[in-house]
All heavy atoms as atom14 arrays in JSON, in Angstrom:
{
  "sequence": "ADDVTRLEPYLYRIEIVAVDFPAFNDGRAFSHASLLRDRLAYRNEL",
  "atom14_mask": [
    [1, 1, 1, 1, 1, 0, 0, 0, 0, 0, 0, 0, 0, 0],
    [1, 1, 1, 1, 1, 1, 1, 1, 0, 0, 0, 0, 0, 0],
    [1, 1, 1, 1, 1, 1, 1, 1, 0, 0, 0, 0, 0, 0],
    [1, 1, 1, 1, 1, 1, 1, 0, 0, 0, 0, 0, 0, 0],
    [1, 1, 1, 1, 1, 1, 1, 0, 0, 0, 0, 0, 0, 0],
    [1, 1, 1, 1, 1, 1, 1, 1, 1, 1, 1, 0, 0, 0],
    [1, 1, 1, 1, 1, 1, 1, 1, 0, 0, 0, 0, 0, 0],
    [1, 1, 1, 1, 1, 1, 1, 1, 1, 0, 0, 0, 0, 0],
    [1, 1, 1, 1, 1, 1, 1, 0, 0, 0, 0, 0, 0, 0],
    [1, 1, 1, 1, 1, 1, 1, 1, 1, 1, 1, 1, 0, 0],
    [1, 1, 1, 1, 1, 1, 1, 1, 0, 0, 0, 0, 0, 0],
    [1, 1, 1, 1, 1, 1, 1, 1, 1, 1, 1, 1, 0, 0],
    [1, 1, 1, 1, 1, 1, 1, 1, 1, 1, 1, 0, 0, 0],
    [1, 1, 1, 1, 1, 1, 1, 1, 0, 0, 0, 0, 0, 0],
    [1, 1, 1, 1, 1, 1, 1, 1, 1, 0, 0, 0, 0, 0],
    [1, 1, 1, 1, 1, 1, 1, 1, 0, 0, 0, 0, 0, 0],
    [1, 1, 1, 1, 1, 1, 1, 0, 0, 0, 0, 0, 0, 0],
    [1, 1, 1, 1, 1, 0, 0, 0, 0, 0, 0, 0, 0, 0],
    [1, 1, 1, 1, 1, 1, 1, 0, 0, 0, 0, 0, 0, 0],
    [1, 1, 1, 1, 1, 1, 1, 1, 0, 0, 0, 0, 0, 0],
    [1, 1, 1, 1, 1, 1, 1, 1, 1, 1, 1, 0, 0, 0],
    [1, 1, 1, 1, 1, 1, 1, 0, 0, 0, 0, 0, 0, 0],
    [1, 1, 1, 1, 1, 0, 0, 0, 0, 0, 0, 0, 0, 0],
    [1, 1, 1, 1, 1, 1, 1, 1, 1, 1, 1, 0, 0, 0],
    [1, 1, 1, 1, 1, 1, 1, 1, 0, 0, 0, 0, 0, 0],
    [1, 1, 1, 1, 1, 1, 1, 1, 0, 0, 0, 0, 0, 0],
    [1, 1, 1, 1, 0, 0, 0, 0, 0, 0, 0, 0, 0, 0],
    [1, 1, 1, 1, 1, 1, 1, 1, 1, 1, 1, 0, 0, 0],
    [1, 1, 1, 1, 1, 0, 0, 0, 0, 0, 0, 0, 0, 0],
    [1, 1, 1, 1, 1, 1, 1, 1, 1, 1, 1, 0, 0, 0],
    [1, 1, 1, 1, 1, 1, 0, 0, 0, 0, 0, 0, 0, 0],
    [1, 1, 1, 1, 1, 1, 1, 1, 1, 1, 0, 0, 0, 0],
    [1, 1, 1, 1, 1, 0, 0, 0, 0, 0, 0, 0, 0, 0],
    [1, 1, 1, 1, 1, 1, 0, 0, 0, 0, 0, 0, 0, 0],
    [1, 1, 1, 1, 1, 1, 1, 1, 0, 0, 0, 0, 0, 0],
    [1, 1, 1, 1, 1, 1, 1, 1, 0, 0, 0, 0, 0, 0],
    [1, 1, 1, 1, 1, 1, 1, 1, 1, 1, 1, 0, 0, 0],
    [1, 1, 1, 1, 1, 1, 1, 1, 0, 0, 0, 0, 0, 0],
    [1, 1, 1, 1, 1, 1, 1, 1, 1, 1, 1, 0, 0, 0],
    [1, 1, 1, 1, 1, 1, 1, 1, 0, 0, 0, 0, 0, 0],
    [1, 1, 1, 1, 1, 0, 0, 0, 0, 0, 0, 0, 0, 0],
    [1, 1, 1, 1, 1, 1, 1, 1, 1, 1, 1, 1, 0, 0],
    [1, 1, 1, 1, 1, 1, 1, 1, 1, 1, 1, 0, 0, 0],
    [1, 1, 1, 1, 1, 1, 1, 1, 0, 0, 0, 0, 0, 0],
    [1, 1, 1, 1, 1, 1, 1, 1, 1, 0, 0, 0, 0, 0],
    [1, 1, 1, 1, 1, 1, 1, 1, 0, 0, 0, 0, 0, 0]
  ],
  "atom14_positions": [
    [[-3.08, -6.66, 10.89], [-4.43, -7.16, 10.57], [-4.49, -7.92, 9.25], [-5.54, -8.47, 8.92], [-5.43, -5.98, 10.53], [0.0, 0.0, 0.0], [0.0, 0.0, 0.0], [0.0, 0.0, 0.0], [0.0, 0.0, 0.0], [0.0, 0.0, 0.0], [0.0, 0.0, 0.0], [0.0, 0.0, 0.0], [0.0, 0.0, 0.0], [0.0, 0.0, 0.0]],
    [[-3.43, -8.02, 8.5], [-3.42, -8.73, 7.22], [-3.54, -10.27, 7.42], [-3.06, -10.76, 8.45], [-2.1, -8.46, 6.44], [-2.09, -7.0, 5.85], [-3.13, -6.39, 5.78], [-1.0, -6.57, 5.53], [0.0, 0.0, 0.0], [0.0, 0.0, 0.0], [0.0, 0.0, 0.0], [0.0, 0.0, 0.0], [0.0, 0.0, 0.0], [0.0, 0.0, 0.0]],
    [[-4.07, -10.88, 6.41], [-4.14, -12.37, 6.38], [-2.96, -12.85, 5.62], [-3.0, -12.83, 4.38], [-5.49, -12.82, 5.73], [-5.61, -14.32, 5.61], [-4.71, -15.06, 6.11], [-6.62, -14.73, 5.0], [0.0, 0.0, 0.0], [0.0, 0.0, 0.0], [0.0, 0.0, 0.0], [0.0, 0.0, 0.0], [0.0, 0.0, 0.0], [0.0, 0.0, 0.0]],
    [[-1.95, -13.34, 6.26], [-0.69, -13.74, 5.66], [-0.9, -14.95, 4.72], [-0.04, -15.14, 3.8], [0.37, -13.98, 6.7], [0.14, -15.29, 7.48], [1.76, -13.94, 6.16], [0.0, 0.0, 0.0], [0.0, 0.0, 0.0], [0.0, 0.0, 0.0], [0.0, 0.0, 0.0], [0.0, 0.0, 0.0], [0.0, 0.0, 0.0], [0.0, 0.0, 0.0]],
    [[-1.9, -15.75, 4.93], [-2.12, -16.89, 4.03], [-2.47, -16.47, 2.6], [-2.35, -17.3, 1.72], [-3.27, -17.81, 4.57], [-4.46, -17.11, 4.63], [-2.83, -18.34, 5.94], [0.0, 0.0, 0.0], [0.0, 0.0, 0.0], [0.0, 0.0, 0.0], [0.0, 0.0, 0.0], [0.0, 0.0, 0.0], [0.0, 0.0, 0.0], [0.0, 0.0, 0.0]],
    [[-2.85, -15.26, 2.42], [-3.12, -14.68, 1.08], [-1.82, -14.75, 0.27], [-1.95, -14.68, -1.02], [-3.73, -13.28, 1.12], [-5.15, -13.29, 1.68], [-5.68, -11.88, 1.74], [-5.75, -11.26, 0.48], [-5.79, -9.89, 0.28], [-5.83, -9.08, 1.38], [-5.93, -9.36, -0.9], [0.0, 0.0, 0.0], [0.0, 0.0, 0.0], [0.0, 0.0, 0.0]],
    [[-0.68, -14.81, 0.8], [0.59, -14.81, 0.05], [0.93, -16.19, -0.55], [1.78, -16.25, -1.37], [1.73, -14.42, 0.98], [1.84, -13.01, 1.47], [3.01, -12.87, 2.52], [1.98, -12.07, 0.32], [0.0, 0.0, 0.0], [0.0, 0.0, 0.0], [0.0, 0.0, 0.0], [0.0, 0.0, 0.0], [0.0, 0.0, 0.0], [0.0, 0.0, 0.0]],
    [[0.26, -17.27, -0.04], [0.64, -18.6, -0.41], [0.84, -18.85, -1.93], [1.78, -19.43, -2.34], [-0.41, -19.58, 0.14], [0.12, -20.98, 0.03], [-0.67, -21.95, 0.88], [-1.77, -21.64, 1.32], [-0.14, -23.08, 1.08], [0.0, 0.0, 0.0], [0.0, 0.0, 0.0], [0.0, 0.0, 0.0], [0.0, 0.0, 0.0], [0.0, 0.0, 0.0]],
    [[-0.1, -18.3, -2.76], [0.1, -18.57, -4.2], [1.39, -17.8, -4.86], [1.76, -18.2, -5.91], [-1.16, -18.11, -4.87], [-2.11, -17.78, -3.76], [-1.35, -17.68, -2.52], [0.0, 0.0, 0.0], [0.0, 0.0, 0.0], [0.0, 0.0, 0.0], [0.0, 0.0, 0.0], [0.0, 0.0, 0.0], [0.0, 0.0, 0.0], [0.0, 0.0, 0.0]],
    [[1.82, -16.89, -4.11], [2.93, -16.08, -4.64], [4.29, -16.22, -4.01], [5.28, -15.6, -4.3], [2.55, -14.61, -4.55], [1.18, -14.25, -4.97], [0.13, -14.07, -4.09], [0.88, -14.21, -6.32], [-1.18, -13.81, -4.48], [-0.49, -13.93, -6.69], [-1.45, -13.75, -5.8], [-2.73, -13.51, -6.25], [0.0, 0.0, 0.0], [0.0, 0.0, 0.0]],
    [[4.4, -17.18, -3.01], [5.64, -17.32, -2.17], [6.9, -17.52, -3.03], [7.93, -16.99, -2.73], [5.42, -18.36, -1.13], [4.52, -18.09, 0.01], [4.39, -19.25, 0.88], [4.98, -16.84, 0.79], [0.0, 0.0, 0.0], [0.0, 0.0, 0.0], [0.0, 0.0, 0.0], [0.0, 0.0, 0.0], [0.0, 0.0, 0.0], [0.0, 0.0, 0.0]],
    [[6.81, -18.28, -4.12], [7.93, -18.59, -4.94], [8.42, -17.28, -5.66], [9.56, -17.27, -6.21], [7.62, -19.64, -5.95], [6.64, -19.22, -7.06], [7.21, -18.86, -8.28], [5.32, -19.21, -6.9], [6.34, -18.49, -9.34], [4.43, -18.85, -7.86], [4.93, -18.49, -9.09], [4.08, -18.07, -10.1], [0.0, 0.0, 0.0], [0.0, 0.0, 0.0]],
    [[7.67, -16.24, -5.7], [8.04, -14.97, -6.4], [8.51, -13.94, -5.43], [8.96, -12.88, -5.84], [6.83, -14.51, -7.15], [6.42, -15.46, -8.23], [5.13, -15.11, -8.87], [5.09, -13.84, -9.46], [3.98, -13.23, -9.95], [2.89, -13.89, -9.91], [4.08, -12.1, -10.51], [0.0, 0.0, 0.0], [0.0, 0.0, 0.0], [0.0, 0.0, 0.0]],
    [[8.46, -14.19, -4.08], [8.81, -13.21, -3.09], [10.21, -13.34, -2.62], [10.68, -14.42, -2.19], [7.83, -13.31, -1.87], [6.4, -13.14, -2.34], [8.19, -12.29, -0.86], [5.35, -13.35, -1.28], [0.0, 0.0, 0.0], [0.0, 0.0, 0.0], [0.0, 0.0, 0.0], [0.0, 0.0, 0.0], [0.0, 0.0, 0.0], [0.0, 0.0, 0.0]],
    [[10.93, -12.2, -2.64], [12.33, -12.19, -2.18], [12.43, -11.85, -0.75], [13.29, -12.33, -0.01], [13.21, -11.16, -2.99], [14.59, -11.11, -2.66], [15.42, -10.17, -3.55], [14.97, -9.98, -4.71], [16.47, -9.76, -3.11], [0.0, 0.0, 0.0], [0.0, 0.0, 0.0], [0.0, 0.0, 0.0], [0.0, 0.0, 0.0], [0.0, 0.0, 0.0]],
    [[11.49, -10.99, -0.25], [11.43, -10.54, 1.17], [10.0, -10.32, 1.62], [9.25, -9.7, 0.86], [12.31, -9.27, 1.31], [12.34, -8.86, 2.79], [11.92, -8.15, 0.45], [13.36, -7.72, 3.12], [0.0, 0.0, 0.0], [0.0, 0.0, 0.0], [0.0, 0.0, 0.0], [0.0, 0.0, 0.0], [0.0, 0.0, 0.0], [0.0, 0.0, 0.0]],
    [[9.75, -10.73, 2.81], [8.45, -10.36, 3.52], [8.88, -9.55, 4.7], [9.66, -10.06, 5.55], [7.66, -11.61, 3.95], [6.45, -11.22, 4.74], [7.26, -12.45, 2.72], [0.0, 0.0, 0.0], [0.0, 0.0, 0.0], [0.0, 0.0, 0.0], [0.0, 0.0, 0.0], [0.0, 0.0, 0.0], [0.0, 0.0, 0.0], [0.0, 0.0, 0.0]],
    [[8.33, -8.43, 4.87], [8.51, -7.54, 6.1], [7.26, -7.57, 6.89], [6.18, -7.39, 6.39], [8.82, -6.1, 5.65], [0.0, 0.0, 0.0], [0.0, 0.0, 0.0], [0.0, 0.0, 0.0], [0.0, 0.0, 0.0], [0.0, 0.0, 0.0], [0.0, 0.0, 0.0], [0.0, 0.0, 0.0], [0.0, 0.0, 0.0], [0.0, 0.0, 0.0]],
    [[7.44, -8.0, 8.19], [6.35, -8.08, 9.1], [6.41, -6.83, 10.04], [7.45, -6.59, 10.61], [6.2, -9.35, 9.84], [5.86, -10.53, 8.99], [7.56, -9.66, 10.6], [0.0, 0.0, 0.0], [0.0, 0.0, 0.0], [0.0, 0.0, 0.0], [0.0, 0.0, 0.0], [0.0, 0.0, 0.0], [0.0, 0.0, 0.0], [0.0, 0.0, 0.0]],
    [[5.31, -6.13, 10.12], [5.26, -4.93, 10.85], [4.94, -5.04, 12.38], [3.91, -5.68, 12.71], [4.2, -3.95, 10.22], [4.24, -2.57, 10.86], [5.28, -2.14, 11.31], [3.17, -1.9, 10.76], [0.0, 0.0, 0.0], [0.0, 0.0, 0.0], [0.0, 0.0, 0.0], [0.0, 0.0, 0.0], [0.0, 0.0, 0.0], [0.0, 0.0, 0.0]],
    [[5.8, -4.5, 13.2], [5.58, -4.41, 14.64], [5.24, -2.96, 14.95], [6.17, -2.16, 15.23], [6.82, -4.88, 15.4], [7.1, -6.33, 15.4], [7.82, -6.92, 14.26], [6.65, -7.18, 16.38], [7.99, -8.23, 14.22], [6.84, -8.56, 16.3], [7.6, -9.08, 15.21], [0.0, 0.0, 0.0], [0.0, 0.0, 0.0], [0.0, 0.0, 0.0]],
    [[3.97, -2.53, 14.91], [3.65, -1.06, 15.12], [3.85, -0.6, 16.53], [4.08, 0.62, 16.7], [2.2, -1.0, 14.66], [1.64, -2.37, 14.89], [2.83, -3.33, 14.63], [0.0, 0.0, 0.0], [0.0, 0.0, 0.0], [0.0, 0.0, 0.0], [0.0, 0.0, 0.0], [0.0, 0.0, 0.0], [0.0, 0.0, 0.0], [0.0, 0.0, 0.0]],
    [[3.82, -1.52, 17.47], [4.06, -1.14, 18.88], [4.61, -2.33, 19.65], [4.42, -3.44, 19.24], [2.73, -0.78, 19.54], [0.0, 0.0, 0.0], [0.0, 0.0, 0.0], [0.0, 0.0, 0.0], [0.0, 0.0, 0.0], [0.0, 0.0, 0.0], [0.0, 0.0, 0.0], [0.0, 0.0, 0.0], [0.0, 0.0, 0.0], [0.0, 0.0, 0.0]],
    [[5.34, -2.12, 20.65], [6.03, -3.16, 21.38], [5.04, -4.18, 21.88], [5.44, -5.36, 22.16], [7.0, -2.63, 22.47], [6.22, -2.26, 23.67], [6.08, -3.12, 24.77], [5.66, -0.95, 23.8], [5.3, -2.75, 25.88], [4.99, -0.55, 24.97], [4.79, -1.46, 26.02], [0.0, 0.0, 0.0], [0.0, 0.0, 0.0], [0.0, 0.0, 0.0]],
    [[3.85, -3.81, 22.18], [2.86, -4.7, 22.77], [1.95, -5.37, 21.76], [0.98, -6.01, 22.14], [2.04, -4.06, 23.84], [1.26, -2.85, 23.3], [1.43, -2.41, 22.16], [0.41, -2.28, 24.15], [0.0, 0.0, 0.0], [0.0, 0.0, 0.0], [0.0, 0.0, 0.0], [0.0, 0.0, 0.0], [0.0, 0.0, 0.0], [0.0, 0.0, 0.0]],
    [[2.23, -5.26, 20.44], [1.39, -5.84, 19.41], [2.2, -7.03, 18.86], [3.17, -6.86, 18.11], [1.06, -4.88, 18.31], [0.09, -5.38, 17.29], [-0.02, -6.59, 17.21], [-0.52, -4.58, 16.62], [0.0, 0.0, 0.0], [0.0, 0.0, 0.0], [0.0, 0.0, 0.0], [0.0, 0.0, 0.0], [0.0, 0.0, 0.0], [0.0, 0.0, 0.0]],
    [[1.88, -8.26, 19.21], [2.64, -9.43, 18.83], [2.15, -10.2, 17.71], [2.61, -11.32, 17.46], [0.0, 0.0, 0.0], [0.0, 0.0, 0.0], [0.0, 0.0, 0.0], [0.0, 0.0, 0.0], [0.0, 0.0, 0.0], [0.0, 0.0, 0.0], [0.0, 0.0, 0.0], [0.0, 0.0, 0.0], [0.0, 0.0, 0.0], [0.0, 0.0, 0.0]],
    [[1.18, -9.62, 16.93], [0.63, -10.38, 15.76], [1.68, -10.66, 14.75], [1.57, -11.68, 14.07], [-0.51, -9.61, 15.2], [-1.71, -9.54, 16.1], [-2.91, -8.67, 15.57], [-2.53, -7.28, 15.66], [-3.31, -6.29, 15.3], [-4.49, -6.62, 14.69], [-2.9, -5.07, 15.44], [0.0, 0.0, 0.0], [0.0, 0.0, 0.0], [0.0, 0.0, 0.0]],
    [[2.7, -9.87, 14.62], [3.8, -10.15, 13.64], [4.55, -11.41, 14.02], [5.14, -12.05, 13.17], [4.7, -8.95, 13.49], [0.0, 0.0, 0.0], [0.0, 0.0, 0.0], [0.0, 0.0, 0.0], [0.0, 0.0, 0.0], [0.0, 0.0, 0.0], [0.0, 0.0, 0.0], [0.0, 0.0, 0.0], [0.0, 0.0, 0.0], [0.0, 0.0, 0.0]],
    [[4.61, -11.73, 15.28], [5.28, -12.99, 15.72], [4.51, -14.15, 15.09], [5.07, -15.12, 14.63], [5.31, -13.13, 17.26], [6.31, -12.27, 17.94], [5.97, -11.16, 18.63], [7.63, -12.65, 17.94], [6.9, -10.4, 19.33], [8.59, -11.91, 18.61], [8.18, -10.77, 19.28], [0.0, 0.0, 0.0], [0.0, 0.0, 0.0], [0.0, 0.0, 0.0]],
    [[3.15, -14.11, 15.16], [2.33, -15.11, 14.57], [2.48, -15.14, 13.09], [2.52, -16.3, 12.53], [0.84, -14.88, 14.96], [0.7, -14.93, 16.35], [0.0, 0.0, 0.0], [0.0, 0.0, 0.0], [0.0, 0.0, 0.0], [0.0, 0.0, 0.0], [0.0, 0.0, 0.0], [0.0, 0.0, 0.0], [0.0, 0.0, 0.0], [0.0, 0.0, 0.0]],
    [[2.58, -13.98, 12.41], [2.71, -13.97, 11.01], [4.04, -14.64, 10.61], [4.11, -15.49, 9.66], [2.74, -12.57, 10.42], [1.43, -11.85, 10.47], [0.21, -12.49, 10.29], [1.11, -10.55, 10.72], [-0.74, -11.61, 10.4], [-0.22, -10.43, 10.66], [0.0, 0.0, 0.0], [0.0, 0.0, 0.0], [0.0, 0.0, 0.0], [0.0, 0.0, 0.0]],
    [[5.12, -14.36, 11.33], [6.42, -14.94, 11.03], [6.42, -16.42, 11.21], [6.85, -17.18, 10.37], [7.51, -14.32, 11.96], [0.0, 0.0, 0.0], [0.0, 0.0, 0.0], [0.0, 0.0, 0.0], [0.0, 0.0, 0.0], [0.0, 0.0, 0.0], [0.0, 0.0, 0.0], [0.0, 0.0, 0.0], [0.0, 0.0, 0.0], [0.0, 0.0, 0.0]],
    [[5.79, -16.9, 12.32], [5.76, -18.32, 12.59], [4.95, -19.08, 11.43], [5.25, -20.13, 11.01], [5.11, -18.69, 13.94], [6.02, -18.22, 14.96], [0.0, 0.0, 0.0], [0.0, 0.0, 0.0], [0.0, 0.0, 0.0], [0.0, 0.0, 0.0], [0.0, 0.0, 0.0], [0.0, 0.0, 0.0], [0.0, 0.0, 0.0], [0.0, 0.0, 0.0]],
    [[3.8, -18.42, 11.06], [2.97, -19.02, 10.03], [3.69, -19.09, 8.72], [3.71, -20.16, 8.03], [1.7, -18.14, 9.9], [0.39, -18.79, 9.69], [-0.78, -17.88, 10.02], [0.23, -19.55, 8.46], [0.0, 0.0, 0.0], [0.0, 0.0, 0.0], [0.0, 0.0, 0.0], [0.0, 0.0, 0.0], [0.0, 0.0, 0.0], [0.0, 0.0, 0.0]],
    [[4.39, -18.05, 8.4], [5.19, -18.03, 7.11], [6.26, -19.17, 7.13], [6.41, -19.9, 6.17], [5.84, -16.69, 6.91], [4.9, -15.64, 6.36], [5.49, -14.2, 6.59], [4.7, -15.82, 4.86], [0.0, 0.0, 0.0], [0.0, 0.0, 0.0], [0.0, 0.0, 0.0], [0.0, 0.0, 0.0], [0.0, 0.0, 0.0], [0.0, 0.0, 0.0]],
    [[6.98, -19.3, 8.23], [8.09, -20.25, 8.29], [7.59, -21.67, 8.41], [8.0, -22.6, 7.73], [9.01, -19.93, 9.43], [9.81, -18.72, 9.24], [10.86, -18.8, 8.08], [11.76, -17.72, 8.15], [12.41, -17.16, 7.11], [12.08, -17.62, 5.95], [13.22, -16.2, 7.27], [0.0, 0.0, 0.0], [0.0, 0.0, 0.0], [0.0, 0.0, 0.0]],
    [[6.66, -21.87, 9.34], [6.27, -23.27, 9.7], [5.19, -23.9, 8.85], [5.33, -24.99, 8.43], [5.94, -23.34, 11.22], [6.99, -22.9, 12.11], [8.21, -23.08, 11.75], [6.69, -22.49, 13.26], [0.0, 0.0, 0.0], [0.0, 0.0, 0.0], [0.0, 0.0, 0.0], [0.0, 0.0, 0.0], [0.0, 0.0, 0.0], [0.0, 0.0, 0.0]],
    [[4.18, -23.14, 8.59], [3.02, -23.69, 7.8], [3.16, -23.46, 6.3], [2.77, -24.28, 5.51], [1.74, -23.1, 8.27], [1.38, -23.58, 9.69], [-0.03, -23.32, 10.0], [-0.29, -23.49, 11.38], [-1.31, -22.97, 12.11], [-2.11, -22.21, 11.53], [-1.32, -23.19, 13.41], [0.0, 0.0, 0.0], [0.0, 0.0, 0.0], [0.0, 0.0, 0.0]],
    [[3.66, -22.26, 5.92], [3.77, -21.95, 4.51], [5.13, -22.28, 3.95], [5.32, -22.14, 2.73], [3.38, -20.5, 4.29], [1.96, -20.08, 4.76], [1.75, -18.66, 4.5], [0.89, -20.88, 3.96], [0.0, 0.0, 0.0], [0.0, 0.0, 0.0], [0.0, 0.0, 0.0], [0.0, 0.0, 0.0], [0.0, 0.0, 0.0], [0.0, 0.0, 0.0]],
    [[6.06, -22.68, 4.75], [7.39, -23.05, 4.33], [8.13, -21.97, 3.54], [8.92, -22.25, 2.59], [7.34, -24.36, 3.53], [0.0, 0.0, 0.0], [0.0, 0.0, 0.0], [0.0, 0.0, 0.0], [0.0, 0.0, 0.0], [0.0, 0.0, 0.0], [0.0, 0.0, 0.0], [0.0, 0.0, 0.0], [0.0, 0.0, 0.0], [0.0, 0.0, 0.0]],
    [[7.87, -20.71, 3.9], [8.61, -19.6, 3.28], [10.06, -19.6, 3.75], [10.34, -19.64, 4.91], [7.91, -18.27, 3.59], [8.68, -17.03, 3.12], [8.61, -16.74, 1.75], [9.33, -16.19, 3.91], [9.3, -15.68, 1.25], [10.06, -15.13, 3.44], [9.99, -14.81, 2.1], [10.65, -13.78, 1.6], [0.0, 0.0, 0.0], [0.0, 0.0, 0.0]],
    [[11.01, -19.56, 2.82], [12.42, -19.7, 3.14], [13.3, -18.48, 2.8], [14.4, -18.41, 3.15], [13.09, -20.92, 2.49], [12.4, -22.25, 2.97], [12.83, -22.51, 4.43], [12.02, -23.55, 4.97], [11.15, -23.39, 5.97], [10.97, -22.25, 6.52], [10.47, -24.4, 6.45], [0.0, 0.0, 0.0], [0.0, 0.0, 0.0], [0.0, 0.0, 0.0]],
    [[12.79, -17.48, 2.15], [13.52, -16.31, 1.83], [13.6, -15.34, 2.99], [13.16, -15.72, 4.09], [12.98, -15.64, 0.61], [13.25, -16.47, -0.67], [14.13, -17.28, -0.72], [12.52, -16.19, -1.73], [0.0, 0.0, 0.0], [0.0, 0.0, 0.0], [0.0, 0.0, 0.0], [0.0, 0.0, 0.0], [0.0, 0.0, 0.0], [0.0, 0.0, 0.0]],
    [[14.02, -14.12, 2.75], [14.24, -13.2, 3.87], [12.9, -12.76, 4.48], [11.94, -12.48, 3.82], [14.96, -11.99, 3.35], [15.34, -11.0, 4.49], [16.19, -9.82, 3.97], [16.69, -9.8, 2.84], [16.42, -8.91, 4.83], [0.0, 0.0, 0.0], [0.0, 0.0, 0.0], [0.0, 0.0, 0.0], [0.0, 0.0, 0.0], [0.0, 0.0, 0.0]],
    [[12.94, -12.75, 5.83], [11.82, -12.36, 6.66], [12.32, -11.26, 7.56], [13.26, -11.46, 8.39], [11.26, -13.51, 7.48], [10.01, -13.31, 8.27], [8.87, -12.73, 7.43], [9.61, -14.64, 8.91], [0.0, 0.0, 0.0], [0.0, 0.0, 0.0], [0.0, 0.0, 0.0], [0.0, 0.0, 0.0], [0.0, 0.0, 0.0], [0.0, 0.0, 0.0]]
  ]
}
């Protein structure tokens, strides 16, 4: 339920972002990962 865009001002300080998959049928973390990589250009460990 987190808004991953809140990380944008801090991305250069982050070494790792962990995205939580609480259940096999909850795919919101797929969206978080795509947003981080494609729109926010996060390049460190995911």
